């Protein structure tokens, strides 16, 4: 399943809920259920700048040019969003990531779901993911 298909799954899930509070709760529960990254990956180099709470996004490069991401955050709503994006972009190639445009996140209705500060954090998360997609360095962070 590609990036857009995975994103659409989350868009459909969130948009199936009529109440915005239900969407917010789902996102926090998603964060609670997501794996916590090991302490050795909670490094400054993996922190996402522009997030209201400490948020980490760790790339894992494979030999077949795929990138996997693990993520975590000190706040549940941020953790839900960064883990959602990590899942959407995991198992992607650099070209999959490079061809993704920020406007494709519009289906998540972030304007209604998140405060402006948290929304900016999500866009910072996306920028970090896209920057890893541009790196030619095959160093694994496992």
Protein backbone atom coordinates (compact mmCIF):
# COMPACT_ATOMS: atom_id res chain seq x y z
CA UNK A 1 0.00 0.00 0.00
CA UNK A 2 1.42 3.40 -0.99
CA UNK A 3 1.63 6.64 0.94
CA UNK A 4 -1.62 8.08 -0.41
CA UNK A 5 -3.55 4.86 0.19
CA UNK A 6 -2.32 4.62 3.78
CA UNK A 7 -3.14 8.28 4.38
CA UNK A 8 -6.62 7.76 2.90
CA UNK A 9 -7.25 4.95 5.39
CA UNK A 10 -6.64 7.38 8.25
CA UNK A 11 -8.67 10.12 6.54
CA UNK A 12 -11.60 7.70 6.18
CA UNK A 13 -11.28 6.58 9.81
CA UNK A 14 -11.22 10.12 11.18
CA UNK A 15 -13.91 11.43 8.85
CA UNK A 16 -16.25 8.57 9.77
CA UNK A 17 -16.57 10.22 13.18
CA UNK A 18 -19.13 13.02 13.29
CA UNK A 19 -17.93 14.58 16.52
CA UNK A 20 -14.61 16.44 16.46
CA UNK A 21 -13.99 15.38 20.07
CA UNK A 22 -14.23 11.71 18.98
CA UNK A 23 -11.54 12.37 16.36
CA UNK A 24 -9.34 14.06 18.93
CA UNK A 25 -9.83 11.16 21.35
CA UNK A 26 -9.07 8.61 18.60
CA UNK A 27 -5.82 10.42 17.82
CA UNK A 28 -4.76 10.41 21.49
CA UNK A 29 -5.65 6.71 21.82
CA UNK A 30 -3.65 5.99 18.68
CA UNK A 31 -0.71 7.70 20.37
CA UNK A 32 -1.20 5.70 23.58
CA UNK A 33 -1.23 2.41 21.68
CA UNK A 34 1.84 3.25 19.59
CA UNK A 35 5.23 1.87 20.53
CA UNK A 36 7.53 4.06 22.60
CA UNK A 37 10.94 4.57 21.01
CA UNK A 38 14.00 3.46 22.97
CA UNK A 39 15.79 6.06 25.06
CA UNK A 40 18.90 5.86 22.83
CA UNK A 41 16.86 7.35 19.96
CA UNK A 42 15.60 10.31 22.01
CA UNK A 43 18.42 12.43 20.71
CA UNK A 44 18.45 16.07 19.70
CA UNK A 45 19.20 15.06 16.09
CA UNK A 46 15.86 13.19 15.92
CA UNK A 47 13.76 15.91 17.56
CA UNK A 48 11.20 17.58 15.34
CA UNK A 49 11.70 21.36 15.44
CA UNK A 50 8.56 23.44 15.68
CA UNK A 51 6.54 21.03 17.83
CA UNK A 52 4.96 22.29 21.04
CA UNK A 53 6.19 19.22 22.92
CA UNK A 54 9.30 17.09 22.55
CA UNK A 55 8.72 14.92 19.51
CA UNK A 56 11.13 12.48 17.88
CA UNK A 57 11.08 10.98 14.41
CA UNK A 58 13.72 8.35 13.70
CA UNK A 59 14.44 7.10 10.16
CA UNK A 60 15.55 3.56 9.44
CA UNK A 61 17.01 3.10 5.95
CA UNK A 62 17.01 -0.29 4.22
CA UNK A 63 19.20 -1.65 1.47
CA UNK A 64 16.30 -1.71 -0.99
CA UNK A 65 15.94 2.10 -0.73
CA UNK A 66 12.96 1.98 1.62
CA UNK A 67 12.63 4.14 4.70
CA UNK A 68 10.83 3.15 7.89
CA UNK A 69 10.08 5.56 10.69
CA UNK A 70 9.61 5.19 14.41
CA UNK A 71 8.26 8.10 16.39
CA UNK A 72 7.34 9.29 19.84
CA UNK A 73 6.33 12.43 21.68
CA UNK A 74 5.98 13.68 25.22
CA UNK A 75 2.34 14.71 24.52
CA UNK A 76 -0.38 12.28 23.42
CA UNK A 77 -1.90 14.38 20.66
CA UNK A 78 1.54 14.99 19.15
CA UNK A 79 2.41 11.33 19.57
CA UNK A 80 -0.78 10.35 17.78
CA UNK A 81 0.02 12.62 14.86
CA UNK A 82 3.72 11.76 14.56
CA UNK A 83 2.99 8.02 14.81
CA UNK A 84 0.24 8.36 12.20
CA UNK A 85 2.66 10.10 9.83
CA UNK A 86 5.41 7.59 10.64
CA UNK A 87 3.04 4.79 9.66
CA UNK A 88 1.88 6.55 6.49
CA UNK A 89 5.43 7.09 5.26
CA UNK A 90 7.06 3.87 6.49
CA UNK A 91 8.00 1.36 3.80
CA UNK A 92 8.26 4.19 1.28
CA UNK A 93 10.99 5.02 -1.20
CA UNK A 94 12.62 8.41 -1.41
CA UNK A 95 10.65 9.15 -4.58
CA UNK A 96 7.36 8.25 -2.81
CA UNK A 97 8.21 10.77 -0.11
CA UNK A 98 9.51 13.42 -2.51
CA UNK A 99 6.33 13.32 -4.59
CA UNK A 100 4.06 13.86 -1.57
CA UNK A 101 2.65 17.37 -1.28
CA UNK A 102 1.62 19.02 1.98
CA UNK A 103 -1.87 19.75 0.61
CA UNK A 104 -2.53 16.01 0.56
CA UNK A 105 -2.88 16.21 4.36
CA UNK A 106 -6.00 18.39 3.88
CA UNK A 107 -8.26 15.34 4.10
CA UNK A 108 -7.33 14.99 7.78
CA UNK A 109 -9.10 18.32 8.44
CA UNK A 110 -6.26 19.50 10.65
CA UNK A 111 -7.70 23.04 10.68
CA UNK A 112 -10.66 21.75 12.67
CA UNK A 113 -8.85 19.07 14.64
CA UNK A 114 -5.75 20.86 15.93
CA UNK A 115 -4.78 24.24 17.31
CA UNK A 116 -2.61 26.37 15.00
CA UNK A 117 0.49 25.53 17.07
CA UNK A 118 -0.09 21.78 16.82
CA UNK A 119 -0.94 22.08 13.12
CA UNK A 120 2.39 23.83 12.55
CA UNK A 121 4.03 20.95 14.39
CA UNK A 122 2.44 18.46 11.99
CA UNK A 123 3.81 20.38 9.03
CA UNK A 124 7.23 20.38 10.73
CA UNK A 125 6.93 16.59 11.08
CA UNK A 126 6.20 16.34 7.35
CA UNK A 127 9.22 18.55 6.52
CA UNK A 128 11.46 16.28 8.59
CA UNK A 129 10.11 13.19 6.81
CA UNK A 130 10.66 14.85 3.44
CA UNK A 131 14.21 15.83 4.42
CA UNK A 132 15.00 12.18 5.19
CA UNK A 133 13.56 11.25 1.82
CA UNK A 134 16.10 13.55 0.18
CA UNK A 135 19.15 12.16 2.00
CA UNK A 136 21.33 9.83 0.02
CA UNK A 137 23.04 8.61 3.17
CA UNK A 138 22.24 4.93 3.75
CA UNK A 139 23.18 5.01 7.43
CA UNK A 140 20.76 2.91 9.44
CA UNK A 141 19.50 4.17 12.78
CA UNK A 142 18.49 0.80 14.21
